[in-house]
Each structure stands twice: as C-alpha cells, then as structure tokens.
Amino acid sequence: MRHLAVALPLLWLADATAPAVKPRILAGPEIIAAFEGKTVAGAYADGLAVKETYAVGGAITYWDPRGEDTGNWSVMNNLFCTFYSSMAGGCFRVVQVSANCFDYYAMTTSPEEALNPTGKSAYTARASVQGMASTCPDELQA
C-alpha cells in the first residue's frame, strides 16, 4: 500500500509534464490525415450535438438531433469543405486545439469561394475523433 501512495503522485507528475499540443491551424495534408476514414463527434457553438463520418474517397455522413444527411467532403486551399445533399455546407479553417480536439471556423459557403476566401472566420463547432480519448475541454470555446 505504501508503494501505491508514492506511485500515484509520481504518475500525476509525469502526466503534468507531458508536452501539450499548441493550438495551430491545420494545412490540407494535415486535415486529411486527421479526418479521412474517421468519425468525429462534438457540438456546434450553440451546444447542438453533431457527428460526421468522413469516408476515404470523400463521402460524408452527417447526424444531429434534427436529422441526418449525406454528401461529400474535400480539402481546398487548406480549408476543410463539407457539402450535403439536402442542407447547406461550407468550408472551414480547422484549428487543432489539443491532441484530439479540433475547432472549426466557417470561412466560405461555396466551393468557388474556397478558392479565394475573404473575410473573417467565425467559430462554428468543436469536435474530437471517436475511438480515441477526447482532449477537448468541457466548454465549447475557450
């Protein structure tokens, strides 16, 4: 029991000294590596839950409590673009907040605009890749 009492604080100290990922904007190849073939789950800025699966080849399946949809995802000009069959989509700047936490910032509403995005981005959502522990803080946006 005495060994456990000594080991637990050391484990905490080891975890506290692990290098943290600094928030950074992902470039096109990093976006593909982070999401292709994976499912993410998170919430929009207003708290509405969302889940998306980004298939290899560009297909997307979307879910939120209001409904489901399908469409296509791509990366254009370092923006992550998602467009759906029956609902609006857009292109987003992706910021990796921590090891498994990603913020999405709306940049454009059409693929054409993604070729030359202008204007200011708007925080849209936060999500993490399923199948790995989320490293997102409890609040939606710090």
N, C-alpha and C. Protein backbone atom coordinates (compact mmCIF):
# COMPACT_ATOMS: atom_id res chain seq x y z
N MET A 1 0.83 -1.20 0.00
CA MET A 1 0.00 0.00 0.00
C MET A 1 0.87 1.26 0.00
N ARG A 2 1.99 1.18 0.74
CA ARG A 2 2.89 2.34 0.81
C ARG A 2 3.45 2.67 -0.57
N HIS A 3 3.75 1.64 -1.38
CA HIS A 3 4.28 1.88 -2.73
C HIS A 3 3.25 2.60 -3.60
N LEU A 4 1.97 2.22 -3.44
CA LEU A 4 0.91 2.86 -4.20
C LEU A 4 0.81 4.34 -3.85
N ALA A 5 0.94 4.66 -2.56
CA ALA A 5 0.86 6.05 -2.12
C ALA A 5 1.98 6.89 -2.72
N VAL A 6 3.13 6.30 -2.96
CA VAL A 6 4.24 7.02 -3.57
C VAL A 6 4.08 7.08 -5.08
N ALA A 7 3.57 6.00 -5.69
CA ALA A 7 3.48 5.91 -7.15
C ALA A 7 2.42 6.84 -7.73
N LEU A 8 1.28 6.97 -7.08
CA LEU A 8 0.21 7.79 -7.63
C LEU A 8 0.62 9.24 -7.83
N PRO A 9 1.26 9.90 -6.86
CA PRO A 9 1.70 11.28 -7.14
C PRO A 9 2.72 11.35 -8.26
N LEU A 10 3.57 10.34 -8.39
CA LEU A 10 4.55 10.35 -9.47
C LEU A 10 3.88 10.22 -10.83
N LEU A 11 2.82 9.40 -10.92
CA LEU A 11 2.07 9.29 -12.17
C LEU A 11 1.44 10.63 -12.54
N TRP A 12 0.89 11.31 -11.56
CA TRP A 12 0.29 12.62 -11.82
C TRP A 12 1.35 13.59 -12.32
N LEU A 13 2.52 13.58 -11.69
CA LEU A 13 3.60 14.47 -12.09
C LEU A 13 4.06 14.16 -13.51
N ALA A 14 4.18 12.88 -13.85
CA ALA A 14 4.60 12.50 -15.20
C ALA A 14 3.60 13.00 -16.24
N ASP A 15 2.30 12.88 -15.93
CA ASP A 15 1.28 13.34 -16.86
C ASP A 15 1.31 14.86 -17.00
N ALA A 16 1.57 15.55 -15.90
CA ALA A 16 1.57 17.01 -15.92
C ALA A 16 2.73 17.56 -16.74
N THR A 17 3.80 16.79 -16.88
CA THR A 17 4.95 17.28 -17.63
C THR A 17 4.93 16.85 -19.09
N ALA A 18 3.90 16.10 -19.51
CA ALA A 18 3.81 15.69 -20.92
C ALA A 18 3.63 16.93 -21.78
N PRO A 19 4.32 16.99 -22.92
CA PRO A 19 4.19 18.18 -23.76
C PRO A 19 2.77 18.35 -24.30
N ALA A 20 2.27 19.55 -24.22
CA ALA A 20 0.92 19.84 -24.73
C ALA A 20 1.03 20.28 -26.18
N VAL A 21 -0.01 19.99 -26.94
CA VAL A 21 -0.08 20.46 -28.32
C VAL A 21 -0.50 21.92 -28.29
N LYS A 22 0.26 22.78 -28.93
CA LYS A 22 -0.13 24.18 -29.03
C LYS A 22 -1.20 24.30 -30.10
N PRO A 23 -2.25 25.07 -29.86
CA PRO A 23 -3.26 25.25 -30.91
C PRO A 23 -2.61 25.75 -32.20
N ARG A 24 -3.03 25.14 -33.32
CA ARG A 24 -2.45 25.52 -34.60
C ARG A 24 -3.43 25.24 -35.72
N ILE A 25 -3.36 26.04 -36.76
CA ILE A 25 -4.20 25.85 -37.95
C ILE A 25 -3.61 24.71 -38.75
N LEU A 26 -4.47 23.76 -39.14
CA LEU A 26 -4.02 22.62 -39.93
C LEU A 26 -3.99 22.97 -41.41
N ALA A 27 -2.97 22.48 -42.10
CA ALA A 27 -2.86 22.60 -43.55
C ALA A 27 -3.56 21.41 -44.20
N GLY A 28 -3.78 21.49 -45.51
CA GLY A 28 -4.52 20.47 -46.24
C GLY A 28 -4.14 19.04 -45.92
N PRO A 29 -2.86 18.64 -46.07
CA PRO A 29 -2.49 17.25 -45.79
C PRO A 29 -2.73 16.84 -44.34
N GLU A 30 -2.59 17.80 -43.41
CA GLU A 30 -2.85 17.51 -42.00
C GLU A 30 -4.34 17.29 -41.75
N ILE A 31 -5.18 18.04 -42.44
CA ILE A 31 -6.63 17.86 -42.32
C ILE A 31 -7.01 16.46 -42.80
N ILE A 32 -6.48 16.06 -43.93
CA ILE A 32 -6.78 14.73 -44.47
C ILE A 32 -6.31 13.66 -43.49
N ALA A 33 -5.10 13.78 -42.97
CA ALA A 33 -4.57 12.79 -42.03
C ALA A 33 -5.41 12.73 -40.75
N ALA A 34 -5.91 13.87 -40.31
CA ALA A 34 -6.69 13.91 -39.07
C ALA A 34 -8.07 13.29 -39.21
N PHE A 35 -8.71 13.42 -40.38
CA PHE A 35 -10.12 13.07 -40.50
C PHE A 35 -10.47 11.95 -41.48
N GLU A 36 -9.68 11.72 -42.50
CA GLU A 36 -10.06 10.74 -43.53
C GLU A 36 -10.24 9.35 -42.92
N GLY A 37 -11.42 8.75 -43.19
CA GLY A 37 -11.73 7.43 -42.68
C GLY A 37 -12.15 7.40 -41.22
N LYS A 38 -12.46 8.57 -40.66
CA LYS A 38 -12.76 8.66 -39.23
C LYS A 38 -14.11 9.33 -39.00
N THR A 39 -14.62 9.14 -37.79
CA THR A 39 -15.85 9.78 -37.33
C THR A 39 -15.49 10.76 -36.23
N VAL A 40 -16.05 11.96 -36.31
CA VAL A 40 -15.87 12.95 -35.26
C VAL A 40 -17.22 13.22 -34.60
N ALA A 41 -17.18 13.55 -33.33
CA ALA A 41 -18.38 13.93 -32.60
C ALA A 41 -18.07 15.16 -31.77
N GLY A 42 -19.04 16.05 -31.69
CA GLY A 42 -18.83 17.27 -30.94
C GLY A 42 -20.09 18.08 -30.83
N ALA A 43 -19.93 19.40 -30.84
CA ALA A 43 -21.07 20.30 -30.68
C ALA A 43 -20.82 21.59 -31.43
N TYR A 44 -21.91 22.14 -31.94
CA TYR A 44 -21.87 23.47 -32.54
C TYR A 44 -21.72 24.53 -31.44
N ALA A 45 -21.46 25.75 -31.82
CA ALA A 45 -21.30 26.84 -30.87
C ALA A 45 -22.53 27.01 -29.97
N ASP A 46 -23.72 26.67 -30.50
CA ASP A 46 -24.95 26.80 -29.71
C ASP A 46 -25.23 25.59 -28.83
N GLY A 47 -24.33 24.59 -28.84
CA GLY A 47 -24.49 23.41 -28.00
C GLY A 47 -25.12 22.21 -28.67
N LEU A 48 -25.65 22.36 -29.89
CA LEU A 48 -26.28 21.25 -30.59
C LEU A 48 -25.24 20.18 -30.93
N ALA A 49 -25.51 18.93 -30.56
CA ALA A 49 -24.60 17.82 -30.83
C ALA A 49 -24.51 17.55 -32.32
N VAL A 50 -23.35 17.09 -32.77
CA VAL A 50 -23.14 16.77 -34.18
C VAL A 50 -22.17 15.59 -34.28
N LYS A 51 -22.39 14.77 -35.30
CA LYS A 51 -21.48 13.67 -35.59
C LYS A 51 -21.34 13.55 -37.10
N GLU A 52 -20.09 13.41 -37.58
CA GLU A 52 -19.85 13.25 -39.01
C GLU A 52 -18.82 12.14 -39.23
N THR A 53 -19.04 11.35 -40.29
CA THR A 53 -18.06 10.35 -40.71
C THR A 53 -17.53 10.75 -42.07
N TYR A 54 -16.21 10.85 -42.16
CA TYR A 54 -15.52 11.27 -43.38
C TYR A 54 -14.87 10.05 -44.02
N ALA A 55 -15.55 9.45 -44.99
CA ALA A 55 -15.07 8.22 -45.62
C ALA A 55 -13.88 8.49 -46.52
N VAL A 56 -13.04 7.47 -46.68
CA VAL A 56 -11.98 7.53 -47.67
C VAL A 56 -12.66 7.67 -49.03
N GLY A 57 -12.21 8.57 -49.85
CA GLY A 57 -12.84 8.81 -51.14
C GLY A 57 -13.74 10.02 -51.17
N GLY A 58 -14.04 10.62 -50.00
CA GLY A 58 -14.76 11.88 -49.99
C GLY A 58 -16.23 11.86 -49.62
N ALA A 59 -16.81 10.71 -49.35
CA ALA A 59 -18.22 10.68 -48.91
C ALA A 59 -18.30 11.10 -47.44
N ILE A 60 -19.44 11.70 -47.09
CA ILE A 60 -19.66 12.12 -45.71
C ILE A 60 -21.05 11.69 -45.27
N THR A 61 -21.17 11.27 -44.02
CA THR A 61 -22.49 11.06 -43.41
C THR A 61 -22.56 12.00 -42.21
N TYR A 62 -23.71 12.65 -42.07
CA TYR A 62 -23.92 13.69 -41.07
C TYR A 62 -25.08 13.31 -40.18
N TRP A 63 -24.97 13.63 -38.88
CA TRP A 63 -26.06 13.43 -37.95
C TRP A 63 -26.07 14.58 -36.95
N ASP A 64 -27.26 15.07 -36.65
CA ASP A 64 -27.50 15.90 -35.47
C ASP A 64 -28.91 15.55 -35.00
N PRO A 65 -29.34 16.00 -33.82
CA PRO A 65 -30.65 15.60 -33.31
C PRO A 65 -31.83 15.95 -34.22
N ARG A 66 -31.63 16.86 -35.16
CA ARG A 66 -32.71 17.25 -36.07
C ARG A 66 -32.81 16.35 -37.29
N GLY A 67 -31.73 15.59 -37.60
CA GLY A 67 -31.79 14.73 -38.77
C GLY A 67 -30.43 14.28 -39.25
N GLU A 68 -30.46 13.61 -40.39
CA GLU A 68 -29.25 13.06 -41.00
C GLU A 68 -29.15 13.51 -42.45
N ASP A 69 -27.94 13.43 -43.00
CA ASP A 69 -27.73 13.78 -44.40
C ASP A 69 -26.46 13.10 -44.88
N THR A 70 -26.26 13.12 -46.17
CA THR A 70 -25.04 12.61 -46.79
C THR A 70 -24.51 13.68 -47.73
N GLY A 71 -23.29 13.51 -48.15
CA GLY A 71 -22.70 14.47 -49.08
C GLY A 71 -21.26 14.12 -49.35
N ASN A 72 -20.46 15.15 -49.54
CA ASN A 72 -19.04 14.96 -49.85
C ASN A 72 -18.19 15.93 -49.05
N TRP A 73 -16.99 15.48 -48.72
CA TRP A 73 -16.02 16.35 -48.08
C TRP A 73 -14.78 16.42 -48.96
N SER A 74 -14.05 17.52 -48.82
CA SER A 74 -12.80 17.70 -49.56
C SER A 74 -11.96 18.75 -48.84
N VAL A 75 -10.74 18.89 -49.30
CA VAL A 75 -9.85 19.94 -48.81
C VAL A 75 -9.48 20.81 -50.00
N MET A 76 -9.74 22.10 -49.86
CA MET A 76 -9.43 23.06 -50.93
C MET A 76 -8.75 24.27 -50.31
N ASN A 77 -7.56 24.60 -50.82
CA ASN A 77 -6.87 25.80 -50.37
C ASN A 77 -6.69 25.81 -48.84
N ASN A 78 -6.35 24.63 -48.28
CA ASN A 78 -6.15 24.44 -46.84
C ASN A 78 -7.42 24.65 -46.02
N LEU A 79 -8.58 24.56 -46.66
CA LEU A 79 -9.86 24.62 -45.96
C LEU A 79 -10.53 23.25 -46.05
N PHE A 80 -11.24 22.88 -44.99
CA PHE A 80 -11.97 21.61 -44.92
C PHE A 80 -13.40 21.89 -45.35
N CYS A 81 -13.81 21.33 -46.49
CA CYS A 81 -15.12 21.63 -47.07
C CYS A 81 -16.06 20.45 -46.92
N THR A 82 -17.29 20.73 -46.49
CA THR A 82 -18.33 19.71 -46.36
C THR A 82 -19.60 20.24 -47.01
N PHE A 83 -20.09 19.51 -48.01
CA PHE A 83 -21.32 19.89 -48.70
C PHE A 83 -22.25 18.69 -48.73
N TYR A 84 -23.54 18.95 -48.53
CA TYR A 84 -24.52 17.90 -48.29
C TYR A 84 -25.59 17.87 -49.38
N SER A 85 -26.32 16.76 -49.40
CA SER A 85 -27.37 16.56 -50.40
C SER A 85 -28.54 17.51 -50.21
N SER A 86 -28.96 17.72 -48.95
CA SER A 86 -30.18 18.49 -48.74
C SER A 86 -30.04 19.64 -47.74
N MET A 87 -28.85 19.93 -47.29
CA MET A 87 -28.66 21.06 -46.38
C MET A 87 -27.40 21.83 -46.77
N ALA A 88 -27.29 23.02 -46.22
CA ALA A 88 -26.15 23.89 -46.55
C ALA A 88 -24.86 23.30 -46.01
N GLY A 89 -23.78 23.66 -46.64
CA GLY A 89 -22.46 23.26 -46.18
C GLY A 89 -21.54 24.45 -46.21
N GLY A 90 -20.26 24.18 -46.14
CA GLY A 90 -19.30 25.26 -46.20
C GLY A 90 -17.88 24.75 -46.11
N CYS A 91 -16.96 25.69 -46.10
CA CYS A 91 -15.54 25.38 -45.96
C CYS A 91 -15.03 26.03 -44.68
N PHE A 92 -14.19 25.31 -43.97
CA PHE A 92 -13.79 25.69 -42.62
C PHE A 92 -12.28 25.68 -42.46
N ARG A 93 -11.78 26.61 -41.70
CA ARG A 93 -10.42 26.55 -41.20
C ARG A 93 -10.48 25.62 -39.99
N VAL A 94 -9.53 24.68 -39.90
CA VAL A 94 -9.50 23.73 -38.78
C VAL A 94 -8.32 24.07 -37.88
N VAL A 95 -8.61 24.26 -36.59
CA VAL A 95 -7.58 24.51 -35.60
C VAL A 95 -7.51 23.30 -34.68
N GLN A 96 -6.33 22.69 -34.60
CA GLN A 96 -6.14 21.60 -33.64
C GLN A 96 -5.83 22.25 -32.30
N VAL A 97 -6.77 22.11 -31.37
CA VAL A 97 -6.67 22.76 -30.07
C VAL A 97 -5.77 21.97 -29.13
N SER A 98 -5.88 20.64 -29.19
CA SER A 98 -5.07 19.73 -28.39
C SER A 98 -4.99 18.42 -29.16
N ALA A 99 -4.38 17.40 -28.57
CA ALA A 99 -4.10 16.16 -29.30
C ALA A 99 -5.32 15.61 -30.05
N ASN A 100 -6.48 15.62 -29.42
CA ASN A 100 -7.71 15.14 -30.08
C ASN A 100 -8.85 16.10 -29.82
N CYS A 101 -8.66 17.32 -30.27
CA CYS A 101 -9.70 18.35 -30.15
C CYS A 101 -9.50 19.35 -31.28
N PHE A 102 -10.56 19.56 -32.06
CA PHE A 102 -10.48 20.39 -33.26
C PHE A 102 -11.60 21.42 -33.26
N ASP A 103 -11.24 22.66 -33.53
CA ASP A 103 -12.23 23.72 -33.70
C ASP A 103 -12.39 24.01 -35.18
N TYR A 104 -13.63 24.28 -35.58
CA TYR A 104 -13.96 24.58 -36.97
C TYR A 104 -14.41 26.03 -37.06
N TYR A 105 -13.83 26.78 -38.00
CA TYR A 105 -14.16 28.18 -38.22
C TYR A 105 -14.68 28.35 -39.64
N ALA A 106 -15.94 28.77 -39.78
CA ALA A 106 -16.54 28.93 -41.10
C ALA A 106 -15.82 30.02 -41.87
N MET A 107 -15.46 29.70 -43.13
CA MET A 107 -14.76 30.65 -43.99
C MET A 107 -15.57 30.99 -45.24
N THR A 108 -16.22 29.98 -45.84
CA THR A 108 -16.98 30.18 -47.07
C THR A 108 -18.22 29.31 -47.06
N THR A 109 -19.14 29.61 -47.97
CA THR A 109 -20.35 28.80 -48.10
C THR A 109 -20.44 28.08 -49.43
N SER A 110 -19.40 28.20 -50.26
CA SER A 110 -19.42 27.50 -51.55
C SER A 110 -18.01 27.06 -51.92
N PRO A 111 -17.91 26.02 -52.75
CA PRO A 111 -16.58 25.59 -53.20
C PRO A 111 -15.85 26.68 -53.98
N GLU A 112 -16.58 27.48 -54.73
CA GLU A 112 -15.97 28.55 -55.51
C GLU A 112 -15.29 29.58 -54.60
N GLU A 113 -15.95 29.93 -53.51
CA GLU A 113 -15.38 30.89 -52.57
C GLU A 113 -14.13 30.34 -51.89
N ALA A 114 -14.04 29.01 -51.75
CA ALA A 114 -12.88 28.40 -51.09
C ALA A 114 -11.60 28.63 -51.88
N LEU A 115 -11.74 28.87 -53.18
CA LEU A 115 -10.56 29.11 -54.00
C LEU A 115 -9.90 30.45 -53.67
N ASN A 116 -10.69 31.39 -53.14
CA ASN A 116 -10.17 32.70 -52.78
C ASN A 116 -10.95 33.24 -51.59
N PRO A 117 -10.77 32.63 -50.40
CA PRO A 117 -11.57 33.05 -49.25
C PRO A 117 -11.23 34.47 -48.81
N THR A 118 -12.27 35.21 -48.47
CA THR A 118 -12.10 36.57 -47.98
C THR A 118 -12.92 36.71 -46.71
N GLY A 119 -12.66 37.73 -45.98
CA GLY A 119 -13.45 37.99 -44.78
C GLY A 119 -12.91 37.26 -43.57
N LYS A 120 -13.58 37.46 -42.48
CA LYS A 120 -13.17 36.91 -41.20
C LYS A 120 -13.87 35.58 -40.95
N SER A 121 -13.15 34.66 -40.32
CA SER A 121 -13.74 33.37 -39.99
C SER A 121 -14.62 33.50 -38.75
N ALA A 122 -15.57 32.56 -38.62
CA ALA A 122 -16.48 32.56 -37.48
C ALA A 122 -16.45 31.18 -36.81
N TYR A 123 -16.23 31.16 -35.49
CA TYR A 123 -16.22 29.90 -34.75
C TYR A 123 -17.55 29.19 -34.97
N THR A 124 -17.48 27.90 -35.33
CA THR A 124 -18.67 27.14 -35.67
C THR A 124 -18.89 25.95 -34.76
N ALA A 125 -17.84 25.14 -34.53
CA ALA A 125 -18.02 23.89 -33.79
C ALA A 125 -16.70 23.42 -33.22
N ARG A 126 -16.80 22.47 -32.28
CA ARG A 126 -15.65 21.78 -31.71
C ARG A 126 -15.96 20.30 -31.72
N ALA A 127 -14.97 19.47 -32.09
CA ALA A 127 -15.20 18.02 -32.16
C ALA A 127 -13.90 17.27 -31.89
N SER A 128 -14.05 15.98 -31.61
CA SER A 128 -12.90 15.09 -31.45
C SER A 128 -13.16 13.81 -32.23
N VAL A 129 -12.08 13.13 -32.60
CA VAL A 129 -12.18 11.88 -33.34
C VAL A 129 -12.63 10.78 -32.39
N GLN A 130 -13.65 10.03 -32.78
CA GLN A 130 -14.14 8.93 -31.96
C GLN A 130 -13.16 7.77 -32.01
N GLY A 131 -13.17 6.95 -30.96
CA GLY A 131 -12.27 5.82 -30.87
C GLY A 131 -10.99 6.16 -30.15
N MET A 132 -10.80 7.44 -29.83
CA MET A 132 -9.67 7.91 -29.04
C MET A 132 -10.24 8.83 -27.96
N ALA A 133 -9.53 8.93 -26.86
CA ALA A 133 -10.00 9.80 -25.78
C ALA A 133 -10.01 11.25 -26.27
N SER A 134 -11.12 11.93 -26.02
CA SER A 134 -11.21 13.34 -26.36
C SER A 134 -10.32 14.14 -25.43
N THR A 135 -9.64 15.13 -25.97
CA THR A 135 -8.84 16.04 -25.15
C THR A 135 -9.44 17.45 -25.15
N CYS A 136 -10.71 17.54 -25.57
CA CYS A 136 -11.39 18.84 -25.58
C CYS A 136 -11.77 19.24 -24.16
N PRO A 137 -11.64 20.52 -23.84
CA PRO A 137 -12.15 20.99 -22.56
C PRO A 137 -13.67 20.90 -22.55
N ASP A 138 -14.24 20.97 -21.37
CA ASP A 138 -15.69 20.83 -21.25
C ASP A 138 -16.44 21.96 -21.94
N GLU A 139 -15.91 23.17 -21.88
CA GLU A 139 -16.60 24.28 -22.53
C GLU A 139 -16.40 24.19 -24.04
N LEU A 140 -17.34 24.73 -24.78
CA LEU A 140 -17.27 24.65 -26.24
C LEU A 140 -16.14 25.49 -26.80
N GLN A 141 -15.99 26.69 -26.33
CA GLN A 141 -14.99 27.59 -26.88
C GLN A 141 -14.32 28.32 -25.73
N ALA A 142 -13.01 28.21 -25.64
CA ALA A 142 -12.28 28.87 -24.55
C ALA A 142 -12.19 30.36 -24.79
